[in-house]
C-alpha cells in the first residue's frame, strides 16, 4: 500500500468520490479534487480514472504501470519489500531454445 492512500474497491469507486453522493468519502469535497488511482499493473486503474472523469472529476488519473511500477521505481510503500529489482539495463530473461 502507498503511504497516505485509501484502499477503495473498484465497484464503489464512483459513488465514494462523487461529491453529490450521500455515501461519498470526506475527501470528496468537489469535482476539482485530484485523485490518483493505482491497481496492480495499471490496467484497471486507467478504466477507473476514466470513469471518474466521466462523472466530472476532471483531475482523476492513474499511475502508468500500477503498483508494480511504483515498487520497481523504489517509491515508498507499506508492506513486504520486493525480492528483486530488475535493472533497466539488464537484458530480458529468456527460456532459451525449446528441447525435444
C-alpha atoms as a PDB file:
ATOM      1  CA  UNK A   1       0.000   0.000   0.000  1.00  0.00           C
ATOM      2  CA  UNK A   2       1.135   3.537  -0.718  1.00  0.00           C
ATOM      3  CA  UNK A   3       1.550   5.674   2.439  1.00  0.00           C
ATOM      4  CA  UNK A   4      -1.341   8.107   2.823  1.00  0.00           C
ATOM      5  CA  UNK A   5      -3.528   6.299   0.297  1.00  0.00           C
ATOM      6  CA  UNK A   6      -7.061   4.982   0.637  1.00  0.00           C
ATOM      7  CA  UNK A   7      -7.973   1.428  -0.359  1.00  0.00           C
ATOM      8  CA  UNK A   8     -11.296   1.598  -2.188  1.00  0.00           C
ATOM      9  CA  UNK A   9     -12.895  -1.291  -4.037  1.00  0.00           C
ATOM     10  CA  UNK A  10     -13.486  -0.693  -7.735  1.00  0.00           C
ATOM     11  CA  UNK A  11     -17.199  -1.470  -7.531  1.00  0.00           C
ATOM     12  CA  UNK A  12     -17.846   1.506  -5.195  1.00  0.00           C
ATOM     13  CA  UNK A  13     -15.305   3.987  -6.555  1.00  0.00           C
ATOM     14  CA  UNK A  14     -17.655   6.373  -8.387  1.00  0.00           C
ATOM     15  CA  UNK A  15     -20.108   6.885  -5.567  1.00  0.00           C
ATOM     16  CA  UNK A  16     -17.325   7.205  -2.980  1.00  0.00           C
ATOM     17  CA  UNK A  17     -15.769  10.101  -4.939  1.00  0.00           C
ATOM     18  CA  UNK A  18     -18.921  11.769  -6.271  1.00  0.00           C
ATOM     19  CA  UNK A  19     -19.426  14.926  -4.162  1.00  0.00           C
ATOM     20  CA  UNK A  20     -23.225  14.682  -4.681  1.00  0.00           C
ATOM     21  CA  UNK A  21     -23.475  11.165  -3.261  1.00  0.00           C
ATOM     22  CA  UNK A  22     -24.551  10.715   0.375  1.00  0.00           C
ATOM     23  CA  UNK A  23     -22.046   7.834   0.708  1.00  0.00           C
ATOM     24  CA  UNK A  24     -19.080   9.897  -0.505  1.00  0.00           C
ATOM     25  CA  UNK A  25     -15.749   9.982   1.279  1.00  0.00           C
ATOM     26  CA  UNK A  26     -14.937  13.057   3.399  1.00  0.00           C
ATOM     27  CA  UNK A  27     -12.174  13.862   0.872  1.00  0.00           C
ATOM     28  CA  UNK A  28     -14.727  14.145  -1.978  1.00  0.00           C
ATOM     29  CA  UNK A  29     -15.477  17.814  -1.371  1.00  0.00           C
ATOM     30  CA  UNK A  30     -15.860  18.916  -5.008  1.00  0.00           C
ATOM     31  CA  UNK A  31     -15.136  17.918  -8.599  1.00  0.00           C
ATOM     32  CA  UNK A  32     -11.728  19.605  -8.568  1.00  0.00           C
ATOM     33  CA  UNK A  33     -10.204  17.095  -6.105  1.00  0.00           C
ATOM     34  CA  UNK A  34      -7.093  15.386  -7.523  1.00  0.00           C
ATOM     35  CA  UNK A  35      -7.482  11.605  -7.478  1.00  0.00           C
ATOM     36  CA  UNK A  36      -4.632   9.262  -8.414  1.00  0.00           C
ATOM     37  CA  UNK A  37      -5.659   5.642  -8.818  1.00  0.00           C
ATOM     38  CA  UNK A  38      -3.399   2.619  -8.537  1.00  0.00           C
ATOM     39  CA  UNK A  39      -4.106  -1.010  -9.291  1.00  0.00           C
ATOM     40  CA  UNK A  40      -1.553  -3.787  -9.526  1.00  0.00           C
ATOM     41  CA  UNK A  41      -0.395  -3.247 -13.126  1.00  0.00           C
ATOM     42  CA  UNK A  42      -2.192  -0.119 -14.334  1.00  0.00           C
ATOM     43  CA  UNK A  43      -4.951  -1.596 -16.493  1.00  0.00           C
ATOM     44  CA  UNK A  44      -7.980  -1.404 -14.196  1.00  0.00           C
ATOM     45  CA  UNK A  45      -6.833   1.939 -12.817  1.00  0.00           C
ATOM     46  CA  UNK A  46      -6.885   3.508 -16.295  1.00  0.00           C
ATOM     47  CA  UNK A  47     -10.519   2.499 -16.738  1.00  0.00           C
ATOM     48  CA  UNK A  48     -11.384   3.624 -13.200  1.00  0.00           C
ATOM     49  CA  UNK A  49      -9.788   7.050 -13.731  1.00  0.00           C
ATOM     50  CA  UNK A  50     -11.760   7.437 -16.979  1.00  0.00           C
ATOM     51  CA  UNK A  51     -14.981   6.570 -15.121  1.00  0.00           C
ATOM     52  CA  UNK A  52     -14.233   9.247 -12.515  1.00  0.00           C
ATOM     53  CA  UNK A  53     -13.561  11.792 -15.253  1.00  0.00           C
ATOM     54  CA  UNK A  54     -16.911  10.795 -16.818  1.00  0.00           C
ATOM     55  CA  UNK A  55     -18.744  11.818 -13.631  1.00  0.00           C
ATOM     56  CA  UNK A  56     -16.917  15.163 -13.566  1.00  0.00           C
ATOM     57  CA  UNK A  57     -13.721  14.584 -11.573  1.00  0.00           C
ATOM     58  CA  UNK A  58     -11.533  16.165 -14.268  1.00  0.00           C
ATOM     59  CA  UNK A  59      -8.290  15.719 -12.285  1.00  0.00           C
ATOM     60  CA  UNK A  60      -8.635  11.935 -11.901  1.00  0.00           C
ATOM     61  CA  UNK A  61      -5.682   9.988 -13.280  1.00  0.00           C
ATOM     62  CA  UNK A  62      -3.764   6.777 -12.704  1.00  0.00           C
ATOM     63  CA  UNK A  63      -0.169   5.557 -12.433  1.00  0.00           C
ATOM     64  CA  UNK A  64       1.220   4.019 -15.616  1.00  0.00           C
ATOM     65  CA  UNK A  65       2.353   0.507 -14.736  1.00  0.00           C
ATOM     66  CA  UNK A  66       0.406   0.500 -11.471  1.00  0.00           C
ATOM     67  CA  UNK A  67       1.696  -0.526  -8.072  1.00  0.00           C
ATOM     68  CA  UNK A  68       4.228  -2.900  -9.640  1.00  0.00           C
ATOM     69  CA  UNK A  69       5.919   0.039 -11.406  1.00  0.00           C
ATOM     70  CA  UNK A  70       5.653   2.104  -8.221  1.00  0.00           C
ATOM     71  CA  UNK A  71       7.581  -0.545  -6.274  1.00  0.00           C
ATOM     72  CA  UNK A  72      10.168  -1.108  -9.017  1.00  0.00           C
ATOM     73  CA  UNK A  73      10.806   2.664  -9.023  1.00  0.00           C
ATOM     74  CA  UNK A  74      11.622   2.414  -5.315  1.00  0.00           C
ATOM     75  CA  UNK A  75       8.820   4.749  -4.257  1.00  0.00           C
ATOM     76  CA  UNK A  76       7.572   4.497  -0.659  1.00  0.00           C
ATOM     77  CA  UNK A  77       5.234   1.626   0.127  1.00  0.00           C
ATOM     78  CA  UNK A  78       3.948  -0.164   3.188  1.00  0.00           C
ATOM     79  CA  UNK A  79       4.185  -3.929   3.320  1.00  0.00           C
ATOM     80  CA  UNK A  80       6.708  -6.537   2.197  1.00  0.00           C
ATOM     81  CA  UNK A  81       9.810  -5.386   0.337  1.00  0.00           C
ATOM     82  CA  UNK A  82      10.182  -6.715  -3.203  1.00  0.00           C
ATOM     83  CA  UNK A  83      12.723  -9.518  -3.510  1.00  0.00           C
ATOM     84  CA  UNK A  84      14.365  -8.217  -6.662  1.00  0.00           C
ATOM     85  CA  UNK A  85      14.517  -5.049  -8.697  1.00  0.00           C
ATOM     86  CA  UNK A  86      15.194  -5.595 -12.361  1.00  0.00           C
ATOM     87  CA  UNK A  87      17.873  -3.343 -13.782  1.00  0.00           C
ATOM     88  CA  UNK A  88      16.620  -1.234 -16.677  1.00  0.00           C
ATOM     89  CA  UNK A  89      19.888  -2.095 -18.431  1.00  0.00           C
ATOM     90  CA  UNK A  90      19.636  -5.846 -17.932  1.00  0.00           C
ATOM     91  CA  UNK A  91      18.740  -7.919 -20.997  1.00  0.00           C
ATOM     92  CA  UNK A  92      15.372  -9.691 -20.944  1.00  0.00           C
ATOM     93  CA  UNK A  93      15.327 -13.165 -19.453  1.00  0.00           C
ATOM     94  CA  UNK A  94      14.505 -15.880 -21.948  1.00  0.00           C
ATOM     95  CA  UNK A  95      13.940 -19.589 -21.542  1.00  0.00           C
ATOM     96  CA  UNK A  96      16.283 -20.459 -24.388  1.00  0.00           C
ATOM     97  CA  UNK A  97      15.608 -22.889 -27.203  1.00  0.00           C
ATOM     98  CA  UNK A  98      12.916 -25.498 -26.708  1.00  0.00           C
ATOM     99  CA  UNK A  99      14.180 -29.042 -26.159  1.00  0.00           C
ATOM    100  CA  UNK A 100      12.672 -32.075 -27.867  1.00  0.00           C
END
